[in-house]
Amino acid sequence: MKVEKMLGLMESEFINSKNVKLKMVISYRLEDDNYIVSFYSPSDNHIYTDYLISRYQMKTLLNVKNGLCLEGSNSDAYFVDSDQMSKFVKVFKMFNLEDVWL
């Protein structure tokens, strides 16, 4: 099993409009020089780890205008509202400054 080498840069917990608590984490993947955005369902129990819902290369999320469905099999619970997503996109653009200047 290959272990990814990732450097955690930022995380933000939020609650979507269905009152589901979620966490967004920005990491830098060393092996391929990419920023990665992961979404988790945070564990309230400190014994268990957070549940990974989905992971994206940040550059694929830079132009998201609406909300984001994180898991198709449970789209009523695991999603990011458009208001929250627009805030995240502003943060993503700070990590991708070369895209801002083009």
Protein backbone atom coordinates (compact mmCIF):
# COMPACT_ATOMS: atom_id res chain seq x y z
CA MET A 1 0.00 0.00 0.00
CA LYS A 2 1.37 3.38 -1.03
CA VAL A 3 1.30 6.13 1.58
CA GLU A 4 0.74 9.66 0.33
CA LYS A 5 3.03 12.33 1.70
CA MET A 6 0.84 15.35 2.36
CA LEU A 7 1.41 18.57 4.25
CA GLY A 8 -1.73 19.88 5.98
CA LEU A 9 -2.13 23.62 5.42
CA MET A 10 -5.63 24.63 6.53
CA GLU A 11 -8.87 23.19 7.84
CA SER A 12 -12.31 24.63 8.42
CA GLU A 13 -15.35 23.05 10.04
CA PHE A 14 -18.76 24.20 8.81
CA ILE A 15 -22.42 23.23 8.92
CA ASN A 16 -24.42 22.99 5.69
CA SER A 17 -28.07 23.99 5.26
CA LYS A 18 -29.23 20.49 6.31
CA ASN A 19 -27.43 21.02 9.63
CA VAL A 20 -24.74 18.44 8.79
CA LYS A 21 -21.33 19.17 10.31
CA LEU A 22 -18.50 18.87 7.76
CA LYS A 23 -14.80 19.70 7.58
CA MET A 24 -12.78 21.01 4.62
CA VAL A 25 -9.01 20.42 4.66
CA ILE A 26 -6.44 21.90 2.27
CA SER A 27 -3.23 19.89 1.92
CA TYR A 28 -0.18 19.98 -0.30
CA ARG A 29 0.72 16.64 -1.90
CA LEU A 30 4.51 16.51 -2.17
CA GLU A 31 4.88 13.74 -4.74
CA ASP A 32 3.07 15.54 -7.57
CA ASP A 33 3.18 19.20 -6.49
CA ASN A 34 -0.62 19.58 -6.12
CA TYR A 35 -2.93 21.23 -3.64
CA ILE A 36 -5.62 18.81 -2.48
CA VAL A 37 -9.00 19.66 -0.95
CA SER A 38 -10.57 16.95 1.20
CA PHE A 39 -14.01 16.94 2.79
CA TYR A 40 -14.69 14.95 5.96
CA SER A 41 -17.51 14.12 8.28
CA PRO A 42 -15.86 14.97 11.61
CA SER A 43 -16.00 12.45 14.41
CA ASP A 44 -17.43 13.68 17.70
CA ASN A 45 -15.62 10.88 19.44
CA HIS A 46 -11.90 11.51 19.92
CA ILE A 47 -11.16 7.80 19.64
CA TYR A 48 -12.27 7.55 16.00
CA THR A 49 -10.86 9.49 13.08
CA ASP A 50 -12.87 11.70 10.76
CA TYR A 51 -14.59 9.97 7.83
CA LEU A 52 -13.25 11.00 4.41
CA ILE A 53 -16.16 11.80 2.09
CA SER A 54 -14.37 13.09 -1.01
CA ARG A 55 -11.10 14.55 -2.24
CA TYR A 56 -10.35 16.88 -5.17
CA GLN A 57 -7.38 18.55 -6.79
CA MET A 58 -7.84 22.20 -5.86
CA LYS A 59 -7.52 23.42 -9.45
CA THR A 60 -10.72 21.52 -10.34
CA LEU A 61 -12.68 23.54 -7.76
CA LEU A 62 -11.47 27.04 -8.65
CA ASN A 63 -14.41 27.81 -10.94
CA VAL A 64 -17.26 26.14 -9.03
CA LYS A 65 -20.16 28.60 -9.09
CA ASN A 66 -22.84 26.55 -7.33
CA GLY A 67 -22.75 24.15 -4.44
CA LEU A 68 -20.83 20.89 -4.51
CA CYS A 69 -22.22 17.39 -4.00
CA LEU A 70 -19.64 15.44 -1.99
CA GLU A 71 -21.20 11.97 -2.19
CA GLY A 72 -23.78 10.98 -4.78
CA SER A 73 -25.21 8.13 -2.71
CA ASN A 74 -26.09 10.55 0.09
CA SER A 75 -26.45 13.88 -1.71
CA ASP A 76 -29.13 15.12 0.71
CA ALA A 77 -26.61 15.24 3.55
CA TYR A 78 -23.10 15.47 2.11
CA PHE A 79 -22.91 18.69 0.12
CA VAL A 80 -21.47 22.19 0.31
CA ASP A 81 -23.97 25.02 -0.12
CA SER A 82 -23.29 27.61 -2.83
CA ASP A 83 -22.66 30.40 -0.26
CA GLN A 84 -20.07 28.32 1.61
CA MET A 85 -18.52 27.11 -1.65
CA SER A 86 -18.02 30.67 -2.90
CA LYS A 87 -16.13 31.45 0.35
CA PHE A 88 -13.97 28.36 -0.12
CA VAL A 89 -13.22 29.29 -3.76
CA LYS A 90 -11.85 32.66 -2.58
CA VAL A 91 -9.52 30.81 -0.22
CA PHE A 92 -8.53 28.32 -2.96
CA LYS A 93 -7.55 31.21 -5.22
CA MET A 94 -5.13 32.48 -2.57
CA PHE A 95 -3.29 29.15 -2.79
CA ASN A 96 -3.28 29.34 -6.62
CA LEU A 97 -1.93 32.83 -7.15
CA GLU A 98 -0.59 32.02 -10.62
CA ASP A 99 -4.19 31.54 -11.77
CA VAL A 100 -5.19 34.96 -10.41
CA TRP A 101 -2.56 36.79 -12.47
CA LEU A 102 -3.31 35.05 -15.78
